[in-house]
Amino acid sequence: MLQHFSFKPMFENKQLPGWTFSFFYKQTRFGGEYQPDGSITWTSGTTPPDEEIVKKMIHELMLFHVYD
């Protein structure tokens, strides 16, 4: 489970798509960029274990919060 998930727009003009996010997973902090096409770029230097499962959780959270 992702803990303390937060996101914010990449740009001040909120009409431009793209978001940065961060969260804790298995007691390690991770961060990345979520692109409008659903691709994820990790900016934390490492990828989380179970990366595909984590990506699915991020997609679900972004769909709920951003594309509501």
Protein backbone atom coordinates (compact mmCIF):
# COMPACT_ATOMS: atom_id res chain seq x y z
CA MET A 1 0.00 0.00 0.00
CA LEU A 2 1.20 3.50 -0.81
CA GLN A 3 1.40 5.84 2.15
CA HIS A 4 1.35 9.64 2.24
CA PHE A 5 0.66 9.92 -1.51
CA SER A 6 0.72 13.52 -2.69
CA PHE A 7 0.77 15.17 -6.10
CA LYS A 8 0.85 18.64 -7.61
CA PRO A 9 0.79 20.12 -11.11
CA MET A 10 4.18 20.42 -12.84
CA PHE A 11 3.33 23.86 -14.16
CA GLU A 12 1.81 26.98 -12.61
CA ASN A 13 -0.67 27.10 -15.50
CA LYS A 14 -2.83 24.20 -14.34
CA GLN A 15 -4.26 23.82 -17.84
CA LEU A 16 -0.98 22.24 -18.93
CA PRO A 17 -0.96 18.53 -18.11
CA GLY A 18 1.63 16.76 -16.02
CA TRP A 19 2.05 16.16 -12.30
CA THR A 20 4.79 15.39 -9.82
CA PHE A 21 4.07 12.93 -7.05
CA SER A 22 5.68 11.35 -4.02
CA PHE A 23 4.80 8.57 -1.60
CA PHE A 24 6.25 6.03 0.80
CA TYR A 25 6.28 2.34 -0.08
CA LYS A 26 7.81 -0.28 2.19
CA GLN A 27 9.30 2.49 4.35
CA THR A 28 11.13 4.11 1.42
CA ARG A 29 10.25 7.45 -0.19
CA PHE A 30 9.75 7.50 -3.96
CA GLY A 31 8.94 10.31 -6.35
CA GLY A 32 8.21 10.75 -9.99
CA GLU A 33 6.42 12.53 -12.78
CA TYR A 34 3.06 11.44 -14.14
CA GLN A 35 2.58 12.37 -17.78
CA PRO A 36 -0.82 12.97 -19.46
CA ASP A 37 -0.48 9.72 -21.41
CA GLY A 38 -0.14 7.77 -18.13
CA SER A 39 3.60 7.19 -18.39
CA ILE A 40 5.63 7.48 -15.21
CA THR A 41 9.20 8.74 -14.90
CA TRP A 42 10.89 8.01 -11.59
CA THR A 43 12.80 10.99 -10.18
CA SER A 44 13.81 9.43 -6.89
CA GLY A 45 16.79 7.65 -8.42
CA THR A 46 15.42 4.18 -7.80
CA THR A 47 12.34 2.29 -8.80
CA PRO A 48 10.13 0.70 -6.18
CA PRO A 49 10.06 -3.04 -5.67
CA ASP A 50 6.99 -4.53 -7.37
CA GLU A 51 7.13 -1.64 -9.85
CA GLU A 52 4.20 -2.78 -11.99
CA ILE A 53 1.93 -3.15 -8.94
CA VAL A 54 2.97 0.31 -7.70
CA LYS A 55 2.33 1.85 -11.14
CA LYS A 56 -1.17 0.39 -11.12
CA MET A 57 -1.84 1.93 -7.69
CA ILE A 58 -0.55 5.32 -8.91
CA HIS A 59 -2.77 5.17 -12.02
CA GLU A 60 -5.81 4.43 -9.87
CA LEU A 61 -5.05 7.31 -7.50
CA MET A 62 -4.44 9.76 -10.34
CA LEU A 63 -7.64 8.74 -12.10
CA PHE A 64 -9.56 9.30 -8.89
CA HIS A 65 -7.98 12.65 -7.96
CA VAL A 66 -7.13 14.30 -11.28
CA TYR A 67 -9.60 12.99 -13.81
CA ASP A 68 -12.55 12.94 -11.42
